[in-house]
Amino acid sequence: MGFEDTYVDAWLYSDHQRYFFFQVGDTGVRSALFHLLAVPSTVGAPLSNPSPSPDPNPNQQLSTVGALLQLVLLLVGALSKSAIFPFHFWLPGAMAAPTPVSAYLHAAAMVKAGIYLVAVLAPVFAENPAWHPIVIGLGGFTMLLGGWQALRETDLKRLLAYGTVSQLGFLMVVLGYGTQDAALAGLALLLSHALFKSALFLVVGIIDHQLSTRDLREISGLGRQAPALATAAIVSIASMVGIIPTVGFVAKEGALAALLDE
């Protein structure tokens, strides 16, 4: 649905690009695990003693550097799999895939792998002095960058793709915060994003299939022609914006409360 033969070349190119960045991420995670097994004493070094002692010894400094290296390698894997800056540009290119693929893998499932890894690591590494600057800094920048790029798009699928990049940045900030309330709010955001964004991708697929175009400038009056489709799109957009009584409203209110109350 929403996929023609003319998109095949673009799909193959974007698939190769996605595969490359996934291999970068896998390499980062594997390297961190191998380093963890080779130098187990580095685990938790920045957490147990984040500030240098008056008389640091070389072994302790080496342990701290090793733990920082493990953290950076793990984050390279997480950031590349979830399209966080500077690995964000593979996701809009992957929108050349068929619409059901975009709805499931690129909005609801596959791109959440890195977010899940950050959610698992956050309770352990939140006290690490390098964690918040990397995770929250890059997540916040990705959120703003994705939103800005979405405003410049006229292709509906690419617009949703950059919106997904922005939402992934928001998820990275919330789940990377490291508190229990932020984790619960992040899980609600994760669920709500999967629901409304996959629904919107399917709506775009129907529009493309019926009208053979995804250009915003060429679909005026579509709501009068397909009121059921318009209703589904409006409900999904309301959840994305966070309007009462949608699940998106509950998730975003929980995220704001978790971040502002700290």
C-alpha atoms as a PDB file:
ATOM      1  CA  MET A   1       0.000   0.000   0.000  1.00  0.00           C
ATOM      2  CA  GLY A   2       1.509   3.305  -1.032  1.00  0.00           C
ATOM      3  CA  PHE A   3       4.409   1.710  -2.907  1.00  0.00           C
ATOM      4  CA  GLU A   4       5.133   1.781  -6.627  1.00  0.00           C
ATOM      5  CA  ASP A   5       7.891   0.368  -8.812  1.00  0.00           C
ATOM      6  CA  THR A   6       9.395   3.844  -9.152  1.00  0.00           C
ATOM      7  CA  TYR A   7      10.325   3.716  -5.458  1.00  0.00           C
ATOM      8  CA  VAL A   8      12.344   0.498  -5.737  1.00  0.00           C
ATOM      9  CA  ASP A   9      15.741   2.140  -6.399  1.00  0.00           C
ATOM     10  CA  ALA A  10      15.268   4.618  -3.566  1.00  0.00           C
ATOM     11  CA  TRP A  11      14.153   1.806  -1.273  1.00  0.00           C
ATOM     12  CA  LEU A  12      17.224  -0.287  -2.045  1.00  0.00           C
ATOM     13  CA  TYR A  13      19.556   2.675  -1.476  1.00  0.00           C
ATOM     14  CA  SER A  14      17.902   3.582   1.833  1.00  0.00           C
ATOM     15  CA  ASP A  15      17.977  -0.077   2.896  1.00  0.00           C
ATOM     16  CA  HIS A  16      21.743  -0.208   2.323  1.00  0.00           C
ATOM     17  CA  GLN A  17      22.166   3.025   4.269  1.00  0.00           C
ATOM     18  CA  ARG A  18      20.086   1.702   7.154  1.00  0.00           C
ATOM     19  CA  TYR A  19      22.037  -1.558   7.146  1.00  0.00           C
ATOM     20  CA  PHE A  20      25.324   0.371   7.380  1.00  0.00           C
ATOM     21  CA  PHE A  21      24.234   2.379  10.416  1.00  0.00           C
ATOM     22  CA  PHE A  22      22.798  -0.686  12.088  1.00  0.00           C
ATOM     23  CA  GLN A  23      26.169  -2.367  11.661  1.00  0.00           C
ATOM     24  CA  VAL A  24      27.814   0.682  13.234  1.00  0.00           C
ATOM     25  CA  GLY A  25      25.457   0.354  16.185  1.00  0.00           C
ATOM     26  CA  ASP A  26      25.993  -3.391  16.496  1.00  0.00           C
ATOM     27  CA  THR A  27      29.748  -2.853  16.421  1.00  0.00           C
ATOM     28  CA  GLY A  28      29.498  -0.314  19.227  1.00  0.00           C
ATOM     29  CA  VAL A  29      27.435  -2.619  21.442  1.00  0.00           C
ATOM     30  CA  ARG A  30      29.639  -5.657  20.747  1.00  0.00           C
ATOM     31  CA  SER A  31      32.804  -3.653  21.444  1.00  0.00           C
ATOM     32  CA  ALA A  32      31.378  -2.467  24.743  1.00  0.00           C
ATOM     33  CA  LEU A  33      30.454  -6.016  25.745  1.00  0.00           C
ATOM     34  CA  PHE A  34      33.864  -7.392  24.763  1.00  0.00           C
ATOM     35  CA  HIS A  35      35.561  -4.607  26.719  1.00  0.00           C
ATOM     36  CA  LEU A  36      33.295  -5.345  29.669  1.00  0.00           C
ATOM     37  CA  LEU A  37      34.298  -9.015  29.629  1.00  0.00           C
ATOM     38  CA  ALA A  38      37.983  -8.219  29.165  1.00  0.00           C
ATOM     39  CA  VAL A  39      38.139  -5.529  31.866  1.00  0.00           C
ATOM     40  CA  PRO A  40      35.327  -6.337  34.337  1.00  0.00           C
ATOM     41  CA  SER A  41      36.750  -4.089  37.028  1.00  0.00           C
ATOM     42  CA  THR A  42      35.670  -1.005  35.070  1.00  0.00           C
ATOM     43  CA  VAL A  43      31.984  -1.656  35.655  1.00  0.00           C
ATOM     44  CA  GLY A  44      30.448   1.036  37.832  1.00  0.00           C
ATOM     45  CA  ALA A  45      33.734   2.873  38.379  1.00  0.00           C
ATOM     46  CA  PRO A  46      32.305   6.328  37.615  1.00  0.00           C
ATOM     47  CA  LEU A  47      29.239   5.533  39.771  1.00  0.00           C
ATOM     48  CA  SER A  48      31.071   4.421  42.889  1.00  0.00           C
ATOM     49  CA  ASN A  49      33.509   7.324  42.862  1.00  0.00           C
ATOM     50  CA  PRO A  50      32.651   9.924  40.200  1.00  0.00           C
ATOM     51  CA  SER A  51      35.030  12.554  41.609  1.00  0.00           C
ATOM     52  CA  PRO A  52      38.789  12.009  41.676  1.00  0.00           C
ATOM     53  CA  SER A  53      40.308  11.142  45.031  1.00  0.00           C
ATOM     54  CA  PRO A  54      43.054  13.340  46.538  1.00  0.00           C
ATOM     55  CA  ASP A  55      45.633  10.714  45.635  1.00  0.00           C
ATOM     56  CA  PRO A  56      44.343   8.869  42.583  1.00  0.00           C
ATOM     57  CA  ASN A  57      46.163   5.741  41.597  1.00  0.00           C
ATOM     58  CA  PRO A  58      46.749   4.671  37.969  1.00  0.00           C
ATOM     59  CA  ASN A  59      44.556   1.568  38.288  1.00  0.00           C
ATOM     60  CA  GLN A  60      41.566   3.619  39.437  1.00  0.00           C
ATOM     61  CA  GLN A  61      42.049   6.147  36.620  1.00  0.00           C
ATOM     62  CA  LEU A  62      42.276   3.307  34.087  1.00  0.00           C
ATOM     63  CA  SER A  63      39.103   1.806  35.531  1.00  0.00           C
ATOM     64  CA  THR A  64      37.246   5.134  35.149  1.00  0.00           C
ATOM     65  CA  VAL A  65      38.426   5.604  31.575  1.00  0.00           C
ATOM     66  CA  GLY A  66      37.395   2.043  30.743  1.00  0.00           C
ATOM     67  CA  ALA A  67      33.903   2.576  32.124  1.00  0.00           C
ATOM     68  CA  LEU A  68      33.550   5.799  30.114  1.00  0.00           C
ATOM     69  CA  LEU A  69      34.649   3.962  26.981  1.00  0.00           C
ATOM     70  CA  GLN A  70      32.052   1.239  27.594  1.00  0.00           C
ATOM     71  CA  LEU A  71      29.355   3.873  28.081  1.00  0.00           C
ATOM     72  CA  VAL A  72      30.246   5.728  24.875  1.00  0.00           C
ATOM     73  CA  LEU A  73      30.303   2.520  22.823  1.00  0.00           C
ATOM     74  CA  LEU A  74      26.909   1.446  24.173  1.00  0.00           C
ATOM     75  CA  LEU A  75      25.457   4.863  23.382  1.00  0.00           C
ATOM     76  CA  VAL A  76      26.827   4.748  19.834  1.00  0.00           C
ATOM     77  CA  GLY A  77      24.794   1.590  19.354  1.00  0.00           C
ATOM     78  CA  ALA A  78      21.667   3.098  20.923  1.00  0.00           C
ATOM     79  CA  LEU A  79      21.867   6.419  19.076  1.00  0.00           C
ATOM     80  CA  SER A  80      22.454   4.866  15.657  1.00  0.00           C
ATOM     81  CA  LYS A  81      19.569   2.384  15.977  1.00  0.00           C
ATOM     82  CA  SER A  82      17.081   5.061  17.058  1.00  0.00           C
ATOM     83  CA  ALA A  83      18.091   7.755  14.548  1.00  0.00           C
ATOM     84  CA  ILE A  84      19.436  10.216  17.118  1.00  0.00           C
ATOM     85  CA  PHE A  85      21.776  12.970  15.894  1.00  0.00           C
ATOM     86  CA  PRO A  86      24.293  12.543  14.266  1.00  0.00           C
ATOM     87  CA  PHE A  87      22.772   9.287  12.933  1.00  0.00           C
ATOM     88  CA  HIS A  88      19.306  10.743  12.286  1.00  0.00           C
ATOM     89  CA  PHE A  89      19.289  11.016   8.475  1.00  0.00           C
ATOM     90  CA  TRP A  90      18.863   7.300   7.690  1.00  0.00           C
ATOM     91  CA  LEU A  91      15.257   7.267   8.965  1.00  0.00           C
ATOM     92  CA  PRO A  92      13.716   9.755   6.475  1.00  0.00           C
ATOM     93  CA  GLY A  93      15.485   7.901   3.661  1.00  0.00           C
ATOM     94  CA  ALA A  94      13.987   4.622   4.859  1.00  0.00           C
ATOM     95  CA  MET A  95      10.510   6.017   4.201  1.00  0.00           C
ATOM     96  CA  ALA A  96      10.906   4.864   0.585  1.00  0.00           C
ATOM     97  CA  ALA A  97       9.873   1.434   1.881  1.00  0.00           C
ATOM     98  CA  PRO A  98       6.256   0.217   1.548  1.00  0.00           C
ATOM     99  CA  THR A  99       3.884   1.952   3.959  1.00  0.00           C
ATOM    100  CA  PRO A 100       3.181  -1.100   6.191  1.00  0.00           C
ATOM    101  CA  VAL A 101       6.944  -1.455   6.646  1.00  0.00           C
ATOM    102  CA  SER A 102       7.183   2.209   7.625  1.00  0.00           C
ATOM    103  CA  ALA A 103       4.247   1.860  10.002  1.00  0.00           C
ATOM    104  CA  TYR A 104       5.589  -1.211  11.801  1.00  0.00           C
ATOM    105  CA  LEU A 105       9.369  -1.134  11.640  1.00  0.00           C
ATOM    106  CA  HIS A 106      10.146   2.576  11.242  1.00  0.00           C
ATOM    107  CA  ALA A 107       7.496   3.968  13.621  1.00  0.00           C
ATOM    108  CA  ALA A 108       6.423   1.280  16.100  1.00  0.00           C
ATOM    109  CA  ALA A 109       9.111  -1.360  16.531  1.00  0.00           C
ATOM    110  CA  MET A 110      12.587  -1.290  14.982  1.00  0.00           C
ATOM    111  CA  VAL A 111      13.572   2.295  15.777  1.00  0.00           C
ATOM    112  CA  LYS A 112      12.695   1.744  19.427  1.00  0.00           C
ATOM    113  CA  ALA A 113      15.625  -0.654  19.943  1.00  0.00           C
ATOM    114  CA  GLY A 114      18.050   2.095  20.893  1.00  0.00           C
ATOM    115  CA  ILE A 115      15.434   3.789  23.062  1.00  0.00           C
ATOM    116  CA  TYR A 116      14.907   0.503  24.896  1.00  0.00           C
ATOM    117  CA  LEU A 117      18.655   0.151  25.472  1.00  0.00           C
ATOM    118  CA  VAL A 118      18.824   3.654  26.957  1.00  0.00           C
ATOM    119  CA  ALA A 119      15.811   2.903  29.179  1.00  0.00           C
ATOM    120  CA  VAL A 120      17.567  -0.216  30.509  1.00  0.00           C
ATOM    121  CA  LEU A 121      20.887   1.563  31.088  1.00  0.00           C
ATOM    122  CA  ALA A 122      19.504   4.794  32.571  1.00  0.00           C
ATOM    123  CA  PRO A 123      18.945   3.556  36.169  1.00  0.00           C
ATOM    124  CA  VAL A 124      22.557   2.356  36.281  1.00  0.00           C
ATOM    125  CA  PHE A 125      24.356   5.183  34.482  1.00  0.00           C
ATOM    126  CA  ALA A 126      22.197   8.206  35.363  1.00  0.00           C
ATOM    127  CA  GLU A 127      24.700   9.289  38.035  1.00  0.00           C
ATOM    128  CA  ASN A 128      27.578   9.079  35.592  1.00  0.00           C
ATOM    129  CA  PRO A 129      28.741  12.642  34.809  1.00  0.00           C
ATOM    130  CA  ALA A 130      28.920  11.819  31.091  1.00  0.00           C
ATOM    131  CA  TRP A 131      25.405  10.341  30.823  1.00  0.00           C
ATOM    132  CA  HIS A 132      23.142  13.392  30.926  1.00  0.00           C
ATOM    133  CA  PRO A 133      25.236  15.617  28.632  1.00  0.00           C
ATOM    134  CA  ILE A 134      25.331  12.911  25.935  1.00  0.00           C
ATOM    135  CA  VAL A 135      21.849  11.426  26.199  1.00  0.00           C
ATOM    136  CA  ILE A 136      19.785  14.483  27.086  1.00  0.00           C
ATOM    137  CA  GLY A 137      21.899  16.871  25.016  1.00  0.00           C
ATOM    138  CA  LEU A 138      21.724  14.835  21.808  1.00  0.00           C
ATOM    139  CA  GLY A 139      18.102  13.842  22.458  1.00  0.00           C
ATOM    140  CA  GLY A 140      17.005  17.438  22.908  1.00  0.00           C
ATOM    141  CA  PHE A 141      18.903  18.607  19.830  1.00  0.00           C
ATOM    142  CA  THR A 142      17.406  15.780  17.768  1.00  0.00           C
ATOM    143  CA  MET A 143      13.922  16.729  18.956  1.00  0.00           C
ATOM    144  CA  LEU A 144      14.376  20.325  17.769  1.00  0.00           C
ATOM    145  CA  LEU A 145      16.140  19.363  14.548  1.00  0.00           C
ATOM    146  CA  GLY A 146      13.472  16.821  13.556  1.00  0.00           C
ATOM    147  CA  GLY A 147      10.672  19.293  14.216  1.00  0.00           C
ATOM    148  CA  TRP A 148      12.394  22.005  12.172  1.00  0.00           C
ATOM    149  CA  GLN A 149      13.009  19.664   9.240  1.00  0.00           C
ATOM    150  CA  ALA A 150       9.374  18.458   9.328  1.00  0.00           C
ATOM    151  CA  LEU A 151       8.150  22.040   8.851  1.00  0.00           C
ATOM    152  CA  ARG A 152      10.031  22.226   5.545  1.00  0.00           C
ATOM    153  CA  GLU A 153       8.635  19.029   4.011  1.00  0.00           C
ATOM    154  CA  THR A 154       5.746  18.715   1.543  1.00  0.00           C
ATOM    155  CA  ASP A 155       5.967  14.924   1.139  1.00  0.00           C
ATOM    156  CA  LEU A 156       3.647  13.399   3.735  1.00  0.00           C
ATOM    157  CA  LYS A 157       5.813  10.365   4.492  1.00  0.00           C
ATOM    158  CA  ARG A 158       8.989  12.408   4.903  1.00  0.00           C
ATOM    159  CA  LEU A 159       7.085  14.865   7.083  1.00  0.00           C
ATOM    160  CA  LEU A 160       6.012  11.994   9.354  1.00  0.00           C
ATOM    161  CA  ALA A 161       9.542  10.594   9.238  1.00  0.00           C
ATOM    162  CA  TYR A 162      11.075  13.807  10.565  1.00  0.00           C
ATOM    163  CA  GLY A 163       8.268  13.952  13.122  1.00  0.00           C
ATOM    164  CA  THR A 164       9.347  10.476  14.201  1.00  0.00           C
ATOM    165  CA  VAL A 165      12.939  11.683  14.527  1.00  0.00           C
ATOM    166  CA  SER A 166      11.714  14.505  16.764  1.00  0.00           C
ATOM    167  CA  GLN A 167       9.631  12.131  18.894  1.00  0.00           C
ATOM    168  CA  LEU A 168      12.573   9.745  19.248  1.00  0.00           C
ATOM    169  CA  GLY A 169      14.653  12.636  20.555  1.00  0.00           C
ATOM    170  CA  PHE A 170      11.916  13.410  23.087  1.00  0.00           C
ATOM    171  CA  LEU A 171      11.804   9.757  24.149  1.00  0.00           C
ATOM    172  CA  MET A 172      15.577   9.747  24.554  1.00  0.00           C
ATOM    173  CA  VAL A 173      15.390  12.755  26.875  1.00  0.00           C
ATOM    174  CA  VAL A 174      12.588  11.333  29.035  1.00  0.00           C
ATOM    175  CA  LEU A 175      13.844   7.751  29.310  1.00  0.00           C
ATOM    176  CA  GLY A 176      17.441   8.880  29.681  1.00  0.00           C
ATOM    177  CA  TYR A 177      16.618  10.996  32.715  1.00  0.00           C
ATOM    178  CA  GLY A 178      17.000   7.972  34.955  1.00  0.00           C
ATOM    179  CA  THR A 179      14.205   8.399  37.510  1.00  0.00           C
ATOM    180  CA  GLN A 180      11.284   6.050  38.168  1.00  0.00           C
ATOM    181  CA  ASP A 181       8.649   8.635  37.227  1.00  0.00           C
ATOM    182  CA  ALA A 182      10.482   9.479  33.993  1.00  0.00           C
ATOM    183  CA  ALA A 183      10.733   5.777  33.125  1.00  0.00           C
ATOM    184  CA  LEU A 184       6.979   5.246  33.579  1.00  0.00           C
ATOM    185  CA  ALA A 185       6.193   8.363  31.543  1.00  0.00           C
ATOM    186  CA  GLY A 186       8.633   7.237  28.866  1.00  0.00           C
ATOM    187  CA  LEU A 187       6.922   3.866  28.564  1.00  0.00           C
ATOM    188  CA  ALA A 188       3.573   5.626  28.109  1.00  0.00           C
ATOM    189  CA  LEU A 189       5.142   7.845  25.440  1.00  0.00           C
ATOM    190  CA  LEU A 190       6.587   4.776  23.748  1.00  0.00           C
ATOM    191  CA  LEU A 191       3.162   3.148  23.526  1.00  0.00           C
ATOM    192  CA  SER A 192       1.318   6.279  22.417  1.00  0.00           C
ATOM    193  CA  HIS A 193       3.894   7.058  19.721  1.00  0.00           C
ATOM    194  CA  ALA A 194       3.672   3.536  18.314  1.00  0.00           C
ATOM    195  CA  LEU A 195      -0.114   3.819  18.097  1.00  0.00           C
ATOM    196  CA  PHE A 196      -0.586   7.247  16.570  1.00  0.00           C
ATOM    197  CA  LYS A 197       2.425   7.255  14.271  1.00  0.00           C
ATOM    198  CA  SER A 198       1.764   3.830  12.761  1.00  0.00           C
ATOM    199  CA  ALA A 199      -1.874   4.874  12.202  1.00  0.00           C
ATOM    200  CA  LEU A 200      -0.731   8.062  10.457  1.00  0.00           C
ATOM    201  CA  PHE A 201       1.639   6.144   8.193  1.00  0.00           C
ATOM    202  CA  LEU A 202      -1.195   3.834   7.160  1.00  0.00           C
ATOM    203  CA  VAL A 203      -3.394   6.870   6.468  1.00  0.00           C
ATOM    204  CA  VAL A 204      -0.676   8.299   4.235  1.00  0.00           C
ATOM    205  CA  GLY A 205      -0.396   4.932   2.476  1.00  0.00           C
ATOM    206  CA  ILE A 206      -4.122   4.997   1.698  1.00  0.00           C
ATOM    207  CA  ILE A 207      -3.845   8.560   0.374  1.00  0.00           C
ATOM    208  CA  ASP A 208      -0.896   7.624  -1.828  1.00  0.00           C
ATOM    209  CA  HIS A 209      -2.678   4.518  -3.093  1.00  0.00           C
ATOM    210  CA  GLN A 210      -5.881   6.384  -3.949  1.00  0.00           C
ATOM    211  CA  LEU A 211      -4.424   9.639  -5.301  1.00  0.00           C
ATOM    212  CA  SER A 212      -0.954   8.508  -6.467  1.00  0.00           C
ATOM    213  CA  THR A 213       0.614  11.452  -4.672  1.00  0.00           C
ATOM    214  CA  ARG A 214       1.858  12.343  -1.196  1.00  0.00           C
ATOM    215  CA  ASP A 215       2.365  16.042  -1.925  1.00  0.00           C
ATOM    216  CA  LEU A 216       0.584  18.241   0.605  1.00  0.00           C
ATOM    217  CA  ARG A 217      -0.047  20.847  -2.078  1.00  0.00           C
ATOM    218  CA  GLU A 218      -2.092  18.435  -4.191  1.00  0.00           C
ATOM    219  CA  ILE A 219      -4.530  16.848  -1.736  1.00  0.00           C
ATOM    220  CA  SER A 220      -6.834  19.732  -0.865  1.00  0.00           C
ATOM    221  CA  GLY A 221     -10.432  18.716  -0.093  1.00  0.00           C
ATOM    222  CA  LEU A 222      -9.585  15.104   0.709  1.00  0.00           C
ATOM    223  CA  GLY A 223     -11.518  15.235   3.995  1.00  0.00           C
ATOM    224  CA  ARG A 224     -14.799  15.784   2.161  1.00  0.00           C
ATOM    225  CA  GLN A 225     -14.107  12.848  -0.164  1.00  0.00           C
ATOM    226  CA  ALA A 226     -13.047  10.388   2.562  1.00  0.00           C
ATOM    227  CA  PRO A 227     -14.578  11.434   5.916  1.00  0.00           C
ATOM    228  CA  ALA A 228     -13.710   8.143   7.681  1.00  0.00           C
ATOM    229  CA  LEU A 229     -10.073   8.491   6.685  1.00  0.00           C
ATOM    230  CA  ALA A 230     -10.069  12.111   7.822  1.00  0.00           C
ATOM    231  CA  THR A 231     -11.534  11.114  11.190  1.00  0.00           C
ATOM    232  CA  ALA A 232      -8.824   8.494  11.735  1.00  0.00           C
ATOM    233  CA  ALA A 233      -6.153  11.047  10.826  1.00  0.00           C
ATOM    234  CA  ILE A 234      -7.608  13.702  13.156  1.00  0.00           C
ATOM    235  CA  VAL A 235      -7.759  11.300  16.123  1.00  0.00           C
ATOM    236  CA  SER A 236      -4.149  10.210  15.495  1.00  0.00           C
ATOM    237  CA  ILE A 237      -2.962  13.816  15.158  1.00  0.00           C
ATOM    238  CA  ALA A 238      -4.801  14.752  18.365  1.00  0.00           C
ATOM    239  CA  SER A 239      -2.902  12.012  20.197  1.00  0.00           C
ATOM    240  CA  MET A 240       0.376  13.170  18.674  1.00  0.00           C
ATOM    241  CA  VAL A 241      -0.259  16.761  19.771  1.00  0.00           C
ATOM    242  CA  GLY A 242      -1.435  15.649  23.220  1.00  0.00           C
ATOM    243  CA  ILE A 243      -5.087  16.729  23.290  1.00  0.00           C
ATOM    244  CA  ILE A 244      -7.517  15.469  25.940  1.00  0.00           C
ATOM    245  CA  PRO A 245      -8.648  12.621  26.198  1.00  0.00           C
ATOM    246  CA  THR A 246      -6.138  10.792  24.013  1.00  0.00           C
ATOM    247  CA  VAL A 247      -3.367   8.538  25.324  1.00  0.00           C
ATOM    248  CA  GLY A 248      -0.848  11.027  23.949  1.00  0.00           C
ATOM    249  CA  PHE A 249      -2.147  13.653  26.373  1.00  0.00           C
ATOM    250  CA  VAL A 250      -1.696  11.318  29.356  1.00  0.00           C
ATOM    251  CA  ALA A 251       1.813  10.347  28.249  1.00  0.00           C
ATOM    252  CA  LYS A 252       3.021  13.900  27.600  1.00  0.00           C
ATOM    253  CA  GLU A 253       1.545  15.226  30.836  1.00  0.00           C
ATOM    254  CA  GLY A 254       3.294  12.435  32.706  1.00  0.00           C
ATOM    255  CA  ALA A 255       6.586  13.230  30.985  1.00  0.00           C
ATOM    256  CA  LEU A 256       6.365  16.942  31.777  1.00  0.00           C
ATOM    257  CA  ALA A 257       5.458  16.227  35.398  1.00  0.00           C
ATOM    258  CA  ALA A 258       8.351  13.763  35.753  1.00  0.00           C
ATOM    259  CA  LEU A 259      10.883  16.223  34.328  1.00  0.00           C
ATOM    260  CA  LEU A 260       9.626  19.392  36.016  1.00  0.00           C
ATOM    261  CA  ASP A 261       9.175  17.866  39.458  1.00  0.00           C
ATOM    262  CA  GLU A 262      12.831  16.817  39.673  1.00  0.00           C
END
